[in-house]
Amino acid sequence: MARALLASFADSLALTNPNAPLTPSQWRIEILSGLTVALALVPEAVAFAFVAGVHPLVGLYAAFIVGLITAVMGGRPGMISGATGALAVVMVSLVAQHGVEYLFATVVLMGLIQIFVGIMRWGKFIRLVPHPVMLGFVNGLAIVIFLAQLGQFQVPGTAEGGGGHGMASGEWLSGLPLALMLSLTAVTMAIIWVMPRVTTAFPAPLAGIAIVAAIVIGFGLDVPRVGDLASIEGGLPSLHIPMVPLNWDTFEIILPYALILAAIGLIESLLTLNLVGEMTNQRGGASQECIAQGVSNTVTGFFGGMGGCAMIGQSMINVKSGGRTRVAGIAAALFLLAFILFASGLIEQIPLAALVGVMFMVVIGTFAWNSLTILRKVPRTDAFVTILVTIVTVMTDLATAVVVGVIVSALAYAWQNATRIHAIKRESRTEEGAQVYEIQGPLFFGSADGFMEIFDIDSDPEVVIVDFAASRVADQSALQAIEALAGKYEDAGKRIQLRHLSRDCHTLLTNAGHLIVDSDDDPDYELAVDYGVRTGIIGGH
């Protein structure tokens, strides 16, 4: 397994040809992209640490450890992981009620759960997320990123855990400070927009940050800076066993939080994996990403970090800056550690307006603007799901929104197929006086009642033929409906024949099995209930 992991890592170091090493130009692009991502990670990690109610270094350590491990062994080169707001909002109640040590224990258990999910290869179920849900997820996330940046337009105040610095006080900037903040943000966005048209040798977001920071520092402009959030100075993360009682009571406290955090983290990571894959033409890696997220969170919990998952905003920065391999993610993590150890004073001088400008450009690039036009063209159900997921993402969290979207899409699909069941009635060409029902559409739990309503048992002749050539018997409810129909015709003293049912239907139908007429063109498919009925898992005949 270690050899396979090393081979996967080596292969991912190439942009297009897995057998070709990176050129000096590509190394420069990857490292500079990592530097850009690291700069964008700092205010996010600090802000999410405040949201969770822990010290900023807890968020920064999580961003470093999670980012480094997932960059080395994750399922999608180019993805960036770190401390995220989706997890922080769940952690806040745990920290408030039980303290930060219980958070560390929860993160360890969260990671173990994610490793188990990866080993079981359950990550593949992300394929069940429909495209309208993905559109809503992307749009909602873009709005969330945008709203998160608005907090930087507040007057810096004092907050707990900041060592004399802190989050915004709640009072909005006004007058000249607001004008300066908006102007610098606009300048950063303009540089990012123009830079690719001038040269691609330097990542545009990094150019925007560097130029605006030089203007602010050079002219001594009084604008909010990274250091106004909190001091990021610290040492190397050290091994720290969570100081919690090792008993059943502790497990009962941390398990619900661990399950929720693991689910949210994996959903957000796997959706980001798909999104980055579409941009870089990469496929697969879901189970590997689950294991990587699990290992990173388990390690983070033992080194005083708050845990994390994939970050779509920073992943977009990385990909659009040219980062395509694991080098960029590793560089981002190492740069972040270097900021903590050696360059905290310099990084704290970076104006927040530059980082806000970068994130605003991420918002513009992330939002699926074409969805605004296609909403009028797609089916109303798909349009509704897209809008619903967007709203739920903004109002609650990404995981809840995706689950809601998948459930609504599944119910809509089931209802649409349930209404498709109907029959074409005709007289039999081979058996005089017989009535033929040619069933059209799938027969499953949603259409079973509609299937029964098709038949007019009292008015039908003595011989009735039910032809399933254009249908598909899908589940146990369908089998029960066929059994019930056969029983009603037999009770009425009429003879019924069932044609074009598969061999497994013949086996699973008990009472009506003898009514099936075999032919050479019978379909050959396996019922979803086949194994369950044979083993007794599903109740029935």
Protein backbone atom coordinates (compact mmCIF):
# COMPACT_ATOMS: atom_id res chain seq x y z
CA MET A 1 0.00 0.00 0.00
CA ALA A 2 2.88 2.37 0.82
CA ARG A 3 4.46 1.64 -2.58
CA ALA A 4 1.15 2.39 -4.33
CA LEU A 5 0.82 5.65 -2.41
CA LEU A 6 4.34 6.73 -3.37
CA ALA A 7 3.65 5.83 -7.00
CA SER A 8 0.44 7.85 -6.93
CA PHE A 9 2.30 10.80 -5.44
CA ALA A 10 5.07 10.58 -8.05
CA ASP A 11 2.58 10.36 -10.91
CA SER A 12 0.69 13.41 -9.71
CA LEU A 13 3.77 15.65 -9.90
CA ALA A 14 3.26 16.02 -13.64
CA LEU A 15 0.76 18.42 -15.20
CA THR A 16 -0.18 16.42 -18.27
CA ASN A 17 2.31 13.57 -18.69
CA PRO A 18 2.60 11.36 -15.58
CA ASN A 19 6.02 10.14 -16.68
CA ALA A 20 7.51 13.61 -17.22
CA PRO A 21 9.09 15.61 -14.38
CA LEU A 22 8.07 19.17 -13.74
CA THR A 23 9.98 21.77 -15.69
CA PRO A 24 11.56 24.73 -13.84
CA SER A 25 8.72 26.93 -15.14
CA GLN A 26 6.12 24.53 -13.78
CA TRP A 27 7.90 24.32 -10.42
CA ARG A 28 7.78 28.12 -10.20
CA ILE A 29 4.07 28.21 -11.02
CA GLU A 30 3.26 25.50 -8.47
CA ILE A 31 5.27 27.11 -5.66
CA LEU A 32 3.95 30.62 -6.31
CA SER A 33 0.42 29.23 -6.44
CA GLY A 34 1.05 27.60 -3.06
CA LEU A 35 2.28 30.93 -1.67
CA THR A 36 -0.91 32.63 -2.89
CA VAL A 37 -3.06 29.97 -1.26
CA ALA A 38 -1.11 30.22 2.01
CA LEU A 39 -1.73 33.97 2.19
CA ALA A 40 -5.45 33.39 1.62
CA LEU A 41 -5.51 30.66 4.28
CA VAL A 42 -4.33 32.89 7.12
CA PRO A 43 -7.40 35.13 7.65
CA GLU A 44 -9.76 32.21 6.96
CA ALA A 45 -8.12 29.96 9.56
CA VAL A 46 -8.04 32.77 12.15
CA ALA A 47 -11.68 33.71 11.50
CA PHE A 48 -12.93 30.11 11.71
CA ALA A 49 -10.98 29.59 14.94
CA PHE A 50 -12.86 32.55 16.44
CA VAL A 51 -16.14 31.09 15.19
CA ALA A 52 -15.38 27.80 16.94
CA GLY A 53 -14.33 29.65 20.11
CA VAL A 54 -10.68 28.52 20.13
CA HIS A 55 -7.28 30.23 19.89
CA PRO A 56 -6.23 31.32 16.36
CA LEU A 57 -3.25 28.95 16.43
CA VAL A 58 -5.68 26.03 16.75
CA GLY A 59 -7.11 27.00 13.39
CA LEU A 60 -3.70 27.71 11.83
CA TYR A 61 -2.27 24.37 12.99
CA ALA A 62 -5.29 22.61 11.53
CA ALA A 63 -4.84 24.42 8.21
CA PHE A 64 -1.16 23.37 8.12
CA ILE A 65 -1.58 19.70 9.12
CA VAL A 66 -4.79 19.00 7.19
CA GLY A 67 -3.47 20.87 4.16
CA LEU A 68 -0.13 19.04 4.18
CA ILE A 69 -1.46 15.50 4.62
CA THR A 70 -4.27 15.84 2.08
CA ALA A 71 -1.85 17.41 -0.40
CA VAL A 72 0.46 14.39 -0.08
CA MET A 73 -2.12 11.59 -0.18
CA GLY A 74 -5.45 13.10 -1.25
CA GLY A 75 -7.54 11.89 -4.16
CA ARG A 76 -7.26 15.02 -6.30
CA PRO A 77 -3.97 16.89 -6.86
CA GLY A 78 -4.67 20.61 -6.83
CA MET A 79 -7.24 20.51 -4.03
CA ILE A 80 -6.61 22.57 -0.90
CA SER A 81 -7.87 21.59 2.55
CA GLY A 82 -7.83 23.39 5.87
CA ALA A 83 -9.99 24.71 8.70
CA THR A 84 -13.46 25.57 7.36
CA GLY A 85 -16.49 27.48 8.52
CA ALA A 86 -18.85 24.58 7.84
CA LEU A 87 -17.11 22.59 10.58
CA ALA A 88 -16.52 25.55 12.88
CA VAL A 89 -20.22 26.30 13.30
CA VAL A 90 -20.76 22.73 14.56
CA MET A 91 -17.76 22.86 16.90
CA VAL A 92 -18.80 26.02 18.70
CA SER A 93 -21.43 24.38 20.92
CA LEU A 94 -19.08 21.50 21.80
CA VAL A 95 -16.32 23.90 22.85
CA ALA A 96 -18.75 26.10 24.79
CA GLN A 97 -20.21 23.18 26.74
CA HIS A 98 -17.22 20.88 27.27
CA GLY A 99 -14.01 22.75 26.40
CA VAL A 100 -11.35 22.55 23.73
CA GLU A 101 -9.94 19.18 24.88
CA TYR A 102 -13.20 17.50 23.95
CA LEU A 103 -12.90 19.17 20.55
CA PHE A 104 -9.50 17.55 20.00
CA ALA A 105 -10.91 14.13 20.97
CA THR A 106 -13.86 14.66 18.65
CA VAL A 107 -11.57 15.53 15.74
CA VAL A 108 -9.62 12.29 16.31
CA LEU A 109 -12.84 10.23 16.26
CA MET A 110 -14.07 12.21 13.24
CA GLY A 111 -10.92 11.24 11.38
CA LEU A 112 -11.27 7.55 12.26
CA ILE A 113 -14.85 7.58 10.94
CA GLN A 114 -13.68 9.16 7.68
CA ILE A 115 -10.93 6.54 7.31
CA PHE A 116 -13.56 3.81 7.77
CA VAL A 117 -15.75 5.41 5.10
CA GLY A 118 -12.79 5.49 2.72
CA ILE A 119 -11.84 1.85 3.39
CA MET A 120 -15.46 0.81 2.75
CA ARG A 121 -15.30 2.80 -0.52
CA TRP A 122 -18.49 4.70 0.32
CA GLY A 123 -17.13 7.84 -1.27
CA LYS A 124 -18.40 6.59 -4.63
CA PHE A 125 -21.94 7.45 -3.56
CA ILE A 126 -21.12 11.10 -4.27
CA ARG A 127 -22.02 10.12 -7.84
CA LEU A 128 -25.65 10.15 -6.74
CA VAL A 129 -25.56 13.94 -6.36
CA PRO A 130 -27.53 15.31 -9.37
CA HIS A 131 -26.28 18.19 -11.50
CA PRO A 132 -28.94 20.67 -10.23
CA VAL A 133 -27.70 19.99 -6.69
CA MET A 134 -24.12 20.68 -7.81
CA LEU A 135 -25.22 23.96 -9.38
CA GLY A 136 -27.01 24.99 -6.20
CA PHE A 137 -24.01 23.93 -4.11
CA VAL A 138 -21.62 26.02 -6.20
CA ASN A 139 -23.89 29.07 -6.25
CA GLY A 140 -24.68 28.87 -2.56
CA LEU A 141 -21.03 28.47 -1.68
CA ALA A 142 -20.11 31.52 -3.78
CA ILE A 143 -22.69 33.54 -1.86
CA VAL A 144 -21.38 32.21 1.49
CA ILE A 145 -17.80 33.16 0.54
CA PHE A 146 -19.00 36.63 -0.46
CA LEU A 147 -20.95 37.17 2.77
CA ALA A 148 -17.98 35.95 4.83
CA GLN A 149 -15.81 38.70 3.35
CA LEU A 150 -18.21 41.45 4.43
CA GLY A 151 -17.02 41.03 8.00
CA GLN A 152 -13.69 42.51 6.93
CA PHE A 153 -15.45 45.82 6.33
CA GLN A 154 -16.07 46.21 10.06
CA VAL A 155 -13.97 48.15 12.56
CA PRO A 156 -11.37 45.83 14.17
CA GLY A 157 -12.11 45.32 17.85
CA THR A 158 -11.02 43.15 20.71
CA ALA A 159 -12.02 39.51 20.83
CA GLU A 160 -11.21 36.64 23.16
CA GLY A 161 -8.22 34.50 22.40
CA GLY A 162 -6.60 37.02 20.13
CA GLY A 163 -3.72 38.08 22.33
CA GLY A 164 -4.72 41.75 22.22
CA HIS A 165 -6.16 41.62 18.73
CA GLY A 166 -9.40 40.26 17.54
CA MET A 167 -12.30 40.00 15.22
CA ALA A 168 -14.38 42.90 14.02
CA SER A 169 -16.29 44.80 16.67
CA GLY A 170 -19.58 44.84 14.75
CA GLU A 171 -19.32 48.52 13.76
CA TRP A 172 -19.07 49.06 10.02
CA LEU A 173 -16.34 51.16 8.43
CA SER A 174 -17.44 54.53 7.11
CA GLY A 175 -16.02 57.64 5.52
CA LEU A 176 -12.39 57.59 4.40
CA PRO A 177 -11.53 54.13 5.90
CA LEU A 178 -14.42 52.56 3.98
CA ALA A 179 -13.44 54.39 0.78
CA LEU A 180 -9.84 53.18 1.14
CA MET A 181 -10.94 49.61 1.82
CA LEU A 182 -13.24 49.55 -1.20
CA SER A 183 -10.65 51.20 -3.44
CA LEU A 184 -7.91 48.75 -2.50
CA THR A 185 -10.28 45.83 -2.94
CA ALA A 186 -11.19 47.12 -6.41
CA VAL A 187 -7.51 47.61 -7.29
CA THR A 188 -6.75 44.03 -6.27
CA MET A 189 -9.60 42.71 -8.40
CA ALA A 190 -8.49 44.83 -11.37
CA ILE A 191 -4.91 43.49 -11.10
CA ILE A 192 -6.18 39.90 -10.98
CA TRP A 193 -8.34 40.54 -14.05
CA VAL A 194 -5.62 42.29 -16.07
CA MET A 195 -2.58 40.21 -15.06
CA PRO A 196 -3.36 37.07 -17.14
CA ARG A 197 -3.69 39.29 -20.22
CA VAL A 198 -0.17 40.66 -19.61
CA THR A 199 1.70 37.57 -18.44
CA THR A 200 1.01 34.10 -17.05
CA ALA A 201 4.47 33.74 -15.52
CA PHE A 202 3.20 35.02 -12.16
CA PRO A 203 -0.09 34.02 -10.44
CA ALA A 204 -2.52 36.93 -10.77
CA PRO A 205 -3.88 36.67 -7.18
CA LEU A 206 -0.35 36.79 -5.77
CA ALA A 207 0.43 39.83 -7.93
CA GLY A 208 -2.69 41.56 -6.61
CA ILE A 209 -1.76 40.87 -3.00
CA ALA A 210 1.86 41.93 -3.47
CA ILE A 211 1.11 45.19 -5.31
CA VAL A 212 -1.65 46.32 -2.97
CA ALA A 213 0.43 45.38 0.11
CA ALA A 214 3.33 47.42 -1.29
CA ILE A 215 1.04 50.42 -1.80
CA VAL A 216 -0.37 50.21 1.73
CA ILE A 217 3.00 49.69 3.44
CA GLY A 218 4.81 52.19 1.21
CA PHE A 219 2.34 55.00 1.79
CA GLY A 220 1.56 54.02 5.39
CA LEU A 221 -2.18 53.81 4.73
CA ASP A 222 -4.31 53.23 7.80
CA VAL A 223 -6.43 50.25 6.72
CA PRO A 224 -7.31 46.95 8.43
CA ARG A 225 -4.54 44.39 8.19
CA VAL A 226 -4.13 40.69 8.97
CA GLY A 227 -2.57 41.56 12.32
CA ASP A 228 -5.82 43.28 13.36
CA LEU A 229 -7.51 39.87 13.38
CA ALA A 230 -4.98 38.20 15.67
CA SER A 231 -1.30 37.50 16.09
CA ILE A 232 -0.29 34.45 14.06
CA GLU A 233 3.09 34.01 15.76
CA GLY A 234 3.69 30.60 17.25
CA GLY A 235 5.93 27.54 17.37
CA LEU A 236 5.82 24.09 15.84
CA PRO A 237 2.67 22.09 16.64
CA SER A 238 3.52 19.53 19.31
CA LEU A 239 2.04 16.16 20.16
CA HIS A 240 -0.88 16.62 22.51
CA ILE A 241 -3.03 13.74 23.74
CA PRO A 242 -6.57 15.07 24.33
CA MET A 243 -7.02 15.49 28.09
CA VAL A 244 -10.41 13.84 28.43
CA PRO A 245 -11.58 10.91 30.56
CA LEU A 246 -11.35 7.65 28.62
CA ASN A 247 -14.81 6.35 29.49
CA TRP A 248 -18.23 5.74 27.96
CA ASP A 249 -19.57 9.15 29.02
CA THR A 250 -16.88 10.89 26.96
CA PHE A 251 -17.69 8.69 23.98
CA GLU A 252 -21.39 9.57 24.24
CA ILE A 253 -20.49 13.27 24.24
CA ILE A 254 -18.12 13.27 21.27
CA LEU A 255 -19.73 10.63 19.02
CA PRO A 256 -22.70 12.73 17.77
CA TYR A 257 -20.41 15.66 16.98
CA ALA A 258 -17.85 13.37 15.33
CA LEU A 259 -20.48 11.81 13.06
CA ILE A 260 -21.84 15.22 12.01
CA LEU A 261 -18.38 16.66 11.43
CA ALA A 262 -17.26 13.59 9.48
CA ALA A 263 -20.34 13.75 7.25
CA ILE A 264 -20.05 17.50 6.62
CA GLY A 265 -16.33 17.24 5.97
CA LEU A 266 -16.66 14.38 3.49
CA ILE A 267 -19.60 15.87 1.62
CA GLU A 268 -17.84 19.20 1.19
CA SER A 269 -14.55 17.49 0.26
CA LEU A 270 -16.08 15.11 -2.27
CA LEU A 271 -18.11 17.85 -3.94
CA THR A 272 -14.97 19.98 -4.15
CA LEU A 273 -13.15 16.95 -5.56
CA ASN A 274 -15.74 16.69 -8.34
CA LEU A 275 -15.62 20.42 -9.04
CA VAL A 276 -11.81 20.50 -9.26
CA GLY A 277 -11.93 17.34 -11.36
CA GLU A 278 -14.17 19.03 -13.90
CA MET A 279 -11.74 21.95 -14.15
CA THR A 280 -8.61 19.77 -14.46
CA ASN A 281 -10.11 16.81 -16.40
CA GLN A 282 -9.42 14.33 -13.60
CA ARG A 283 -11.64 11.49 -12.44
CA GLY A 284 -11.86 9.09 -9.50
CA GLY A 285 -10.10 9.39 -6.18
CA ALA A 286 -13.18 9.62 -3.93
CA SER A 287 -12.21 6.79 -1.56
CA GLN A 288 -8.59 7.95 -1.46
CA GLU A 289 -9.77 11.45 -0.57
CA CYS A 290 -11.92 10.07 2.27
CA ILE A 291 -8.90 8.23 3.72
CA ALA A 292 -6.69 11.31 3.33
CA GLN A 293 -9.22 13.51 5.09
CA GLY A 294 -9.53 10.93 7.86
CA VAL A 295 -5.78 10.57 8.39
CA SER A 296 -5.30 14.33 8.40
CA ASN A 297 -8.03 14.92 10.97
CA THR A 298 -6.84 12.08 13.20
CA VAL A 299 -3.32 13.51 13.21
CA THR A 300 -4.64 17.06 13.69
CA GLY A 301 -6.57 16.04 16.77
CA PHE A 302 -3.34 14.77 18.35
CA PHE A 303 -1.48 18.00 17.55
CA GLY A 304 -3.91 20.58 18.90
CA GLY A 305 -5.77 21.40 15.67
CA MET A 306 -9.49 21.95 15.12
CA GLY A 307 -9.76 19.65 12.10
CA GLY A 308 -10.84 20.57 8.62
CA CYS A 309 -11.85 19.53 5.13
CA ALA A 310 -11.53 20.66 1.52
CA MET A 311 -11.81 24.42 0.92
CA ILE A 312 -13.45 25.25 -2.38
CA GLY A 313 -12.42 28.91 -2.33
CA GLN A 314 -8.72 28.19 -1.83
CA SER A 315 -8.92 25.26 -4.25
CA MET A 316 -10.25 27.63 -6.90
CA ILE A 317 -7.42 30.09 -6.17
CA ASN A 318 -4.90 27.29 -6.55
CA VAL A 319 -6.29 25.88 -9.79
CA LYS A 320 -6.73 29.28 -11.43
CA SER A 321 -3.22 30.28 -10.36
CA GLY A 322 -1.85 27.28 -12.23
CA GLY A 323 -1.57 24.77 -9.38
CA ARG A 324 -2.33 21.30 -10.74
CA THR A 325 -0.13 18.95 -8.73
CA ARG A 326 0.56 18.05 -5.13
CA VAL A 327 3.50 20.46 -5.11
CA ALA A 328 1.21 23.49 -4.80
CA GLY A 329 -0.72 22.04 -1.85
CA ILE A 330 2.47 20.99 -0.05
CA ALA A 331 4.00 24.40 -0.70
CA ALA A 332 0.91 26.14 0.67
CA ALA A 333 1.10 24.14 3.91
CA LEU A 334 4.84 24.74 4.33
CA PHE A 335 4.49 28.45 3.59
CA LEU A 336 1.75 28.66 6.21
CA LEU A 337 4.02 27.02 8.78
CA ALA A 338 6.82 29.41 7.82
CA PHE A 339 4.46 32.34 8.40
CA ILE A 340 3.72 31.06 11.92
CA LEU A 341 7.37 30.41 12.78
CA PHE A 342 9.34 33.15 11.04
CA ALA A 343 7.28 35.69 9.11
CA SER A 344 4.31 36.51 11.32
CA GLY A 345 5.30 40.17 11.58
CA LEU A 346 5.46 40.57 7.80
CA ILE A 347 2.26 38.65 7.07
CA GLU A 348 0.37 40.66 9.68
CA GLN A 349 1.09 43.80 7.63
CA ILE A 350 -0.82 42.53 4.59
CA PRO A 351 -3.99 44.59 4.10
CA LEU A 352 -7.22 42.66 4.41
CA ALA A 353 -8.52 44.52 1.34
CA ALA A 354 -6.05 42.59 -0.85
CA LEU A 355 -7.26 39.24 0.47
CA VAL A 356 -10.89 40.33 0.20
CA GLY A 357 -10.27 41.29 -3.42
CA VAL A 358 -8.85 37.82 -4.11
CA MET A 359 -11.88 36.14 -2.52
CA PHE A 360 -14.30 38.38 -4.42
CA MET A 361 -12.67 37.22 -7.66
CA VAL A 362 -13.08 33.65 -6.42
CA VAL A 363 -16.78 34.37 -5.90
CA ILE A 364 -17.12 35.70 -9.45
CA GLY A 365 -15.31 32.68 -10.85
CA THR A 366 -17.15 30.14 -8.69
CA PHE A 367 -20.74 31.28 -9.21
CA ALA A 368 -22.35 29.43 -12.13
CA TRP A 369 -23.63 32.48 -13.97
CA ASN A 370 -25.00 30.38 -16.82
CA SER A 371 -27.43 28.80 -14.35
CA LEU A 372 -29.34 32.09 -14.27
CA THR A 373 -30.23 31.66 -17.94
CA ILE A 374 -30.75 27.90 -18.05
CA LEU A 375 -33.20 27.98 -15.12
CA ARG A 376 -35.86 29.04 -17.63
CA LYS A 377 -34.99 26.19 -19.98
CA VAL A 378 -34.56 23.19 -17.70
CA PRO A 379 -37.49 21.28 -16.14
CA ARG A 380 -39.16 23.16 -13.33
CA THR A 381 -38.16 20.49 -10.82
CA ASP A 382 -34.47 20.91 -11.65
CA ALA A 383 -34.77 24.69 -11.43
CA PHE A 384 -36.50 24.37 -8.06
CA VAL A 385 -33.79 22.04 -6.72
CA THR A 386 -31.02 24.42 -7.83
CA ILE A 387 -32.66 27.39 -6.12
CA LEU A 388 -33.54 25.35 -3.01
CA VAL A 389 -29.98 24.07 -2.54
CA THR A 390 -28.61 27.59 -3.00
CA ILE A 391 -30.93 28.99 -0.33
CA VAL A 392 -30.36 26.14 2.15
CA THR A 393 -26.58 26.45 1.67
CA VAL A 394 -26.71 30.13 2.61
CA MET A 395 -29.19 29.67 5.47
CA THR A 396 -27.71 26.51 7.06
CA ASP A 397 -24.66 24.63 5.78
CA LEU A 398 -23.42 22.84 2.69
CA ALA A 399 -23.98 19.29 3.92
CA THR A 400 -27.60 19.94 4.88
CA ALA A 401 -28.21 21.64 1.54
CA VAL A 402 -26.78 18.72 -0.44
CA VAL A 403 -28.77 16.14 1.53
CA VAL A 404 -31.96 18.16 1.07
CA GLY A 405 -31.25 18.55 -2.65
CA VAL A 406 -30.59 14.84 -3.17
CA ILE A 407 -33.77 13.87 -1.29
CA VAL A 408 -35.94 16.32 -3.23
CA SER A 409 -34.40 15.21 -6.53
CA ALA A 410 -34.95 11.54 -5.66
CA LEU A 411 -38.58 12.16 -4.68
CA ALA A 412 -39.17 14.16 -7.86
CA TYR A 413 -37.62 11.39 -9.96
CA ALA A 414 -39.70 8.74 -8.20
CA TRP A 415 -42.89 10.76 -8.73
CA GLN A 416 -42.15 11.34 -12.41
CA ASN A 417 -41.59 7.63 -12.97
CA ALA A 418 -44.61 6.74 -10.87
CA THR A 419 -46.87 8.73 -13.21
CA ARG A 420 -45.39 7.09 -16.32
CA ILE A 421 -47.00 3.69 -15.68
CA HIS A 422 -49.81 2.96 -18.14
CA ALA A 423 -50.95 0.21 -20.49
CA ILE A 424 -51.89 -0.20 -24.15
CA LYS A 425 -54.99 -2.40 -24.42
CA ARG A 426 -55.59 -4.57 -27.46
CA GLU A 427 -57.04 -7.92 -28.44
CA SER A 428 -54.69 -10.87 -28.57
CA ARG A 429 -53.47 -11.89 -32.04
CA THR A 430 -52.75 -15.47 -30.95
CA GLU A 431 -55.51 -16.29 -28.49
CA GLU A 432 -59.06 -15.49 -29.57
CA GLY A 433 -61.10 -13.40 -27.14
CA ALA A 434 -58.14 -12.62 -24.87
CA GLN A 435 -57.42 -9.10 -23.65
CA VAL A 436 -53.79 -7.93 -23.76
CA TYR A 437 -52.39 -5.24 -21.47
CA GLU A 438 -49.00 -3.98 -22.73
CA ILE A 439 -47.49 -2.35 -19.63
CA GLN A 440 -45.49 0.81 -20.32
CA GLY A 441 -43.12 2.37 -17.77
CA PRO A 442 -41.26 1.07 -14.69
CA LEU A 443 -43.10 -0.87 -12.00
CA PHE A 444 -41.77 -0.04 -8.53
CA PHE A 445 -43.00 1.15 -5.14
CA GLY A 446 -44.09 4.52 -6.49
CA SER A 447 -46.10 3.15 -9.42
CA ALA A 448 -47.56 0.02 -7.79
CA ASP A 449 -50.92 1.68 -6.99
CA GLY A 450 -51.14 3.18 -10.47
CA PHE A 451 -50.42 -0.27 -11.92
CA MET A 452 -53.37 -1.80 -10.07
CA GLU A 453 -55.70 0.97 -11.28
CA ILE A 454 -54.97 0.12 -14.94
CA PHE A 455 -56.99 -3.08 -14.91
CA ASP A 456 -60.77 -3.48 -15.17
CA ILE A 457 -61.15 -6.93 -13.69
CA ASP A 458 -64.96 -7.06 -13.78
CA SER A 459 -65.21 -6.07 -17.44
CA ASP A 460 -62.26 -8.03 -18.78
CA PRO A 461 -62.81 -11.30 -20.70
CA GLU A 462 -62.07 -14.75 -19.34
CA VAL A 463 -58.45 -14.66 -20.50
CA VAL A 464 -56.15 -11.69 -19.77
CA ILE A 465 -52.54 -11.39 -20.89
CA VAL A 466 -50.25 -8.89 -19.12
CA ASP A 467 -47.16 -8.15 -21.23
CA PHE A 468 -44.15 -6.59 -19.45
CA ALA A 469 -41.90 -6.29 -22.54
CA ALA A 470 -41.91 -2.47 -22.30
CA SER A 471 -41.76 -2.35 -18.50
CA ARG A 472 -39.22 -3.09 -15.79
CA VAL A 473 -40.03 -4.80 -12.51
CA ALA A 474 -37.81 -3.00 -10.02
CA ASP A 475 -38.47 -3.98 -6.41
CA GLN A 476 -40.41 -5.96 -3.84
CA SER A 477 -43.42 -3.64 -4.07
CA ALA A 478 -43.65 -4.42 -7.78
CA LEU A 479 -43.63 -8.16 -7.08
CA GLN A 480 -46.33 -7.74 -4.44
CA ALA A 481 -48.47 -5.78 -6.93
CA ILE A 482 -48.15 -8.57 -9.53
CA GLU A 483 -49.06 -11.19 -6.91
CA ALA A 484 -52.08 -9.14 -5.82
CA LEU A 485 -53.26 -8.65 -9.42
CA ALA A 486 -52.98 -12.36 -10.18
CA GLY A 487 -54.92 -13.16 -7.03
CA LYS A 488 -57.76 -10.79 -7.95
CA TYR A 489 -58.17 -12.28 -11.42
CA GLU A 490 -58.13 -15.81 -10.02
CA ASP A 491 -60.71 -14.85 -7.39
CA ALA A 492 -62.87 -13.53 -10.22
CA GLY A 493 -62.61 -16.90 -11.95
CA LYS A 494 -60.55 -15.56 -14.84
CA ARG A 495 -57.28 -16.80 -16.28
CA ILE A 496 -54.29 -14.44 -16.39
CA GLN A 497 -50.95 -14.88 -18.16
CA LEU A 498 -47.80 -12.92 -17.36
CA ARG A 499 -45.39 -12.49 -20.27
CA HIS A 500 -41.89 -11.13 -20.72
CA LEU A 501 -40.95 -11.27 -17.05
CA SER A 502 -37.32 -12.07 -16.25
CA ARG A 503 -36.14 -15.35 -14.78
CA ASP A 504 -35.53 -13.80 -11.38
CA CYS A 505 -39.13 -12.55 -11.31
CA HIS A 506 -40.25 -16.13 -12.03
CA THR A 507 -38.20 -17.34 -9.07
CA LEU A 508 -39.34 -14.66 -6.65
CA LEU A 509 -43.04 -14.77 -7.49
CA THR A 510 -44.60 -17.50 -5.34
CA ASN A 511 -48.32 -17.57 -6.07
CA ALA A 512 -48.15 -16.00 -9.52
CA GLY A 513 -45.01 -17.79 -10.65
CA HIS A 514 -46.94 -20.54 -12.40
CA LEU A 515 -48.81 -17.93 -14.48
CA ILE A 516 -45.64 -16.72 -16.25
CA VAL A 517 -45.37 -17.73 -19.89
CA ASP A 518 -41.74 -18.32 -20.85
CA SER A 519 -40.43 -17.20 -24.23
CA ASP A 520 -37.05 -16.82 -25.90
CA ASP A 521 -37.18 -13.02 -25.77
CA ASP A 522 -37.77 -12.72 -22.01
CA PRO A 523 -35.64 -9.96 -20.46
CA ASP A 524 -32.63 -10.85 -18.36
CA TYR A 525 -32.14 -8.53 -15.41
CA GLU A 526 -31.56 -8.92 -11.70
CA LEU A 527 -34.07 -7.47 -9.27
CA ALA A 528 -32.66 -5.25 -6.54
CA VAL A 529 -34.56 -7.42 -4.05
CA ASP A 530 -33.23 -10.72 -5.34
CA TYR A 531 -30.47 -11.19 -2.76
CA GLY A 532 -32.57 -9.77 0.07
CA VAL A 533 -35.51 -12.11 -0.53
CA ARG A 534 -33.32 -15.18 -0.91
CA THR A 535 -31.48 -14.47 2.33
CA GLY A 536 -34.51 -13.33 4.29
CA ILE A 537 -33.27 -9.74 4.67
CA ILE A 538 -36.37 -8.49 2.84
CA GLY A 539 -39.61 -9.92 4.10
CA GLY A 540 -41.82 -11.59 1.54
CA HIS A 541 -42.30 -14.91 -0.18
